[in-house]
C-alpha atoms as a PDB file:
ATOM      1  CA  UNK A   1       0.000   0.000   0.000  1.00  0.00           C
ATOM      2  CA  UNK A   2       1.298   3.466  -0.809  1.00  0.00           C
ATOM      3  CA  UNK A   3       1.772   5.483   2.357  1.00  0.00           C
ATOM      4  CA  UNK A   4       1.185   9.224   2.642  1.00  0.00           C
ATOM      5  CA  UNK A   5       4.874   9.779   3.370  1.00  0.00           C
ATOM      6  CA  UNK A   6       5.967   8.100   0.139  1.00  0.00           C
ATOM      7  CA  UNK A   7       6.800   4.679   1.516  1.00  0.00           C
ATOM      8  CA  UNK A   8       5.113   1.458   0.543  1.00  0.00           C
ATOM      9  CA  UNK A   9       3.943  -0.994   3.116  1.00  0.00           C
ATOM     10  CA  UNK A  10       1.403  -1.001   5.891  1.00  0.00           C
ATOM     11  CA  UNK A  11      -1.222   1.695   6.145  1.00  0.00           C
ATOM     12  CA  UNK A  12       0.262   3.034   9.363  1.00  0.00           C
ATOM     13  CA  UNK A  13       2.615   5.958   9.243  1.00  0.00           C
ATOM     14  CA  UNK A  14       6.086   6.386  10.680  1.00  0.00           C
ATOM     15  CA  UNK A  15       5.741   9.957  11.870  1.00  0.00           C
ATOM     16  CA  UNK A  16       3.207  12.149  13.617  1.00  0.00           C
ATOM     17  CA  UNK A  17       2.659  14.278  10.467  1.00  0.00           C
ATOM     18  CA  UNK A  18       1.728  11.932   7.607  1.00  0.00           C
ATOM     19  CA  UNK A  19       0.973  14.812   5.250  1.00  0.00           C
ATOM     20  CA  UNK A  20       4.529  16.157   5.534  1.00  0.00           C
ATOM     21  CA  UNK A  21       7.671  14.243   4.616  1.00  0.00           C
ATOM     22  CA  UNK A  22      10.341  15.311   7.065  1.00  0.00           C
ATOM     23  CA  UNK A  23      13.748  14.272   8.227  1.00  0.00           C
ATOM     24  CA  UNK A  24      13.577  13.881  11.939  1.00  0.00           C
ATOM     25  CA  UNK A  25      12.647  11.435  14.628  1.00  0.00           C
ATOM     26  CA  UNK A  26      10.735   8.562  13.098  1.00  0.00           C
ATOM     27  CA  UNK A  27       9.709   5.223  14.516  1.00  0.00           C
ATOM     28  CA  UNK A  28      11.484   3.047  11.959  1.00  0.00           C
ATOM     29  CA  UNK A  29      14.232   3.297   9.354  1.00  0.00           C
ATOM     30  CA  UNK A  30      13.672   5.615   6.407  1.00  0.00           C
ATOM     31  CA  UNK A  31      12.273   3.707   3.414  1.00  0.00           C
ATOM     32  CA  UNK A  32      12.059   0.507   5.457  1.00  0.00           C
ATOM     33  CA  UNK A  33       8.712  -0.542   4.003  1.00  0.00           C
ATOM     34  CA  UNK A  34       9.822   0.456   0.520  1.00  0.00           C
ATOM     35  CA  UNK A  35      12.846  -1.806   0.883  1.00  0.00           C
ATOM     36  CA  UNK A  36      10.669  -4.673   2.140  1.00  0.00           C
ATOM     37  CA  UNK A  37       8.297  -4.168  -0.786  1.00  0.00           C
ATOM     38  CA  UNK A  38      11.243  -4.229  -3.201  1.00  0.00           C
ATOM     39  CA  UNK A  39      12.570  -7.417  -1.630  1.00  0.00           C
ATOM     40  CA  UNK A  40       9.116  -8.978  -1.911  1.00  0.00           C
ATOM     41  CA  UNK A  41       8.860  -8.102  -5.590  1.00  0.00           C
ATOM     42  CA  UNK A  42      12.361  -9.484  -6.174  1.00  0.00           C
ATOM     43  CA  UNK A  43      11.398 -12.739  -4.384  1.00  0.00           C
ATOM     44  CA  UNK A  44       8.288 -13.110  -6.534  1.00  0.00           C
ATOM     45  CA  UNK A  45      10.340 -12.615  -9.692  1.00  0.00           C
ATOM     46  CA  UNK A  46      12.967 -15.131  -8.576  1.00  0.00           C
ATOM     47  CA  UNK A  47      10.346 -17.742  -7.617  1.00  0.00           C
ATOM     48  CA  UNK A  48       7.673 -17.050 -10.209  1.00  0.00           C
ATOM     49  CA  UNK A  49       7.116 -20.704 -11.069  1.00  0.00           C
ATOM     50  CA  UNK A  50       6.042 -21.480  -7.485  1.00  0.00           C
ATOM     51  CA  UNK A  51       3.233 -18.900  -7.607  1.00  0.00           C
ATOM     52  CA  UNK A  52       1.271 -20.643 -10.349  1.00  0.00           C
ATOM     53  CA  UNK A  53      -0.444 -24.002 -10.197  1.00  0.00           C
ATOM     54  CA  UNK A  54       0.535 -26.635 -12.703  1.00  0.00           C
ATOM     55  CA  UNK A  55      -2.529 -28.069 -14.440  1.00  0.00           C
ATOM     56  CA  UNK A  56      -3.144 -30.693 -17.104  1.00  0.00           C
ATOM     57  CA  UNK A  57      -6.755 -29.900 -17.992  1.00  0.00           C
ATOM     58  CA  UNK A  58      -7.849 -33.368 -16.843  1.00  0.00           C
ATOM     59  CA  UNK A  59      -9.232 -34.522 -13.513  1.00  0.00           C
ATOM     60  CA  UNK A  60      -7.378 -37.410 -11.925  1.00  0.00           C
ATOM     61  CA  UNK A  61      -7.377 -38.925  -8.452  1.00  0.00           C
ATOM     62  CA  UNK A  62      -4.357 -38.457  -6.246  1.00  0.00           C
ATOM     63  CA  UNK A  63      -3.068 -41.072  -3.779  1.00  0.00           C
ATOM     64  CA  UNK A  64      -5.773 -40.035  -1.263  1.00  0.00           C
ATOM     65  CA  UNK A  65      -8.661 -40.330  -3.740  1.00  0.00           C
ATOM     66  CA  UNK A  66      -9.151 -36.576  -4.152  1.00  0.00           C
ATOM     67  CA  UNK A  67     -10.040 -35.235  -7.573  1.00  0.00           C
ATOM     68  CA  UNK A  68      -7.250 -32.990  -8.834  1.00  0.00           C
ATOM     69  CA  UNK A  69      -6.156 -31.139 -11.938  1.00  0.00           C
ATOM     70  CA  UNK A  70      -2.432 -30.971 -11.366  1.00  0.00           C
ATOM     71  CA  UNK A  71      -1.996 -28.862  -8.205  1.00  0.00           C
ATOM     72  CA  UNK A  72      -5.666 -27.803  -8.001  1.00  0.00           C
ATOM     73  CA  UNK A  73      -8.048 -29.633  -5.630  1.00  0.00           C
ATOM     74  CA  UNK A  74     -11.648 -30.007  -6.855  1.00  0.00           C
ATOM     75  CA  UNK A  75     -14.717 -30.180  -4.605  1.00  0.00           C
ATOM     76  CA  UNK A  76     -18.491 -30.230  -4.584  1.00  0.00           C
ATOM     77  CA  UNK A  77     -19.827 -26.816  -3.595  1.00  0.00           C
ATOM     78  CA  UNK A  78     -23.171 -25.407  -2.571  1.00  0.00           C
ATOM     79  CA  UNK A  79     -25.317 -23.845  -5.282  1.00  0.00           C
ATOM     80  CA  UNK A  80     -25.030 -20.436  -3.599  1.00  0.00           C
ATOM     81  CA  UNK A  81     -21.248 -20.635  -3.923  1.00  0.00           C
ATOM     82  CA  UNK A  82     -21.227 -21.347  -7.663  1.00  0.00           C
ATOM     83  CA  UNK A  83     -21.201 -17.644  -8.551  1.00  0.00           C
ATOM     84  CA  UNK A  84     -17.757 -17.379  -6.901  1.00  0.00           C
ATOM     85  CA  UNK A  85     -16.336 -20.524  -8.498  1.00  0.00           C
ATOM     86  CA  UNK A  86     -14.432 -21.206 -11.681  1.00  0.00           C
ATOM     87  CA  UNK A  87     -15.876 -23.512 -14.358  1.00  0.00           C
ATOM     88  CA  UNK A  88     -16.942 -26.974 -13.184  1.00  0.00           C
ATOM     89  CA  UNK A  89     -15.696 -30.302 -14.464  1.00  0.00           C
ATOM     90  CA  UNK A  90     -17.740 -33.486 -14.522  1.00  0.00           C
ATOM     91  CA  UNK A  91     -16.410 -36.926 -13.644  1.00  0.00           C
ATOM     92  CA  UNK A  92     -17.712 -40.146 -12.085  1.00  0.00           C
ATOM     93  CA  UNK A  93     -21.171 -38.581 -11.666  1.00  0.00           C
ATOM     94  CA  UNK A  94     -19.818 -35.575  -9.757  1.00  0.00           C
ATOM     95  CA  UNK A  95     -20.000 -31.899 -10.667  1.00  0.00           C
ATOM     96  CA  UNK A  96     -16.739 -30.555  -9.238  1.00  0.00           C
ATOM     97  CA  UNK A  97     -15.257 -27.082  -8.955  1.00  0.00           C
ATOM     98  CA  UNK A  98     -11.776 -25.884  -8.042  1.00  0.00           C
ATOM     99  CA  UNK A  99     -11.751 -24.944  -4.358  1.00  0.00           C
ATOM    100  CA  UNK A 100     -12.947 -21.359  -4.029  1.00  0.00           C
ATOM    101  CA  UNK A 101     -10.299 -18.973  -2.831  1.00  0.00           C
ATOM    102  CA  UNK A 102     -11.610 -17.034   0.134  1.00  0.00           C
ATOM    103  CA  UNK A 103     -10.130 -13.748  -1.076  1.00  0.00           C
ATOM    104  CA  UNK A 104     -12.653 -13.874  -3.942  1.00  0.00           C
ATOM    105  CA  UNK A 105     -15.603 -13.744  -1.544  1.00  0.00           C
ATOM    106  CA  UNK A 106     -17.492 -10.597  -0.631  1.00  0.00           C
ATOM    107  CA  UNK A 107     -17.222 -10.677   3.141  1.00  0.00           C
ATOM    108  CA  UNK A 108     -16.751 -12.823   6.220  1.00  0.00           C
ATOM    109  CA  UNK A 109     -20.418 -13.864   6.332  1.00  0.00           C
ATOM    110  CA  UNK A 110     -20.213 -15.205   2.770  1.00  0.00           C
ATOM    111  CA  UNK A 111     -17.047 -17.045   3.724  1.00  0.00           C
ATOM    112  CA  UNK A 112     -18.836 -18.746   6.615  1.00  0.00           C
ATOM    113  CA  UNK A 113     -21.949 -19.597   4.609  1.00  0.00           C
ATOM    114  CA  UNK A 114     -20.522 -21.438   1.602  1.00  0.00           C
ATOM    115  CA  UNK A 115     -19.876 -25.147   1.654  1.00  0.00           C
ATOM    116  CA  UNK A 116     -17.069 -26.958  -0.124  1.00  0.00           C
ATOM    117  CA  UNK A 117     -16.823 -30.731   0.153  1.00  0.00           C
ATOM    118  CA  UNK A 118     -13.660 -32.428  -1.035  1.00  0.00           C
ATOM    119  CA  UNK A 119     -14.595 -35.894  -2.308  1.00  0.00           C
ATOM    120  CA  UNK A 120     -12.383 -38.781  -1.200  1.00  0.00           C
ATOM    121  CA  UNK A 121     -13.201 -41.670  -3.495  1.00  0.00           C
END
């Protein structure tokens, strides 16, 4: 998050006057959050392949009997949750969706109300 004093990081400020950038007593190192943000972006770039799931386009069962497409776990979900889900796949009489990521949901109540059932077959 861009901070009022020019740094990037949390939405808290390092000085008592967030509208004025000043050299003086601050509660952390100058540009600390900017440096952490830069290091985070560097880490993402260096490890880009670990941030994306590998998929094959086909549902298979893993050693536990879960339906998977590569790294993605599929589950049965409630009808109310379908509007948040990606496209379903059909296999063995099941209509399965990739597990819904909770950051895609509207609020905490929605998060509590949806049902996702991973099938072990």
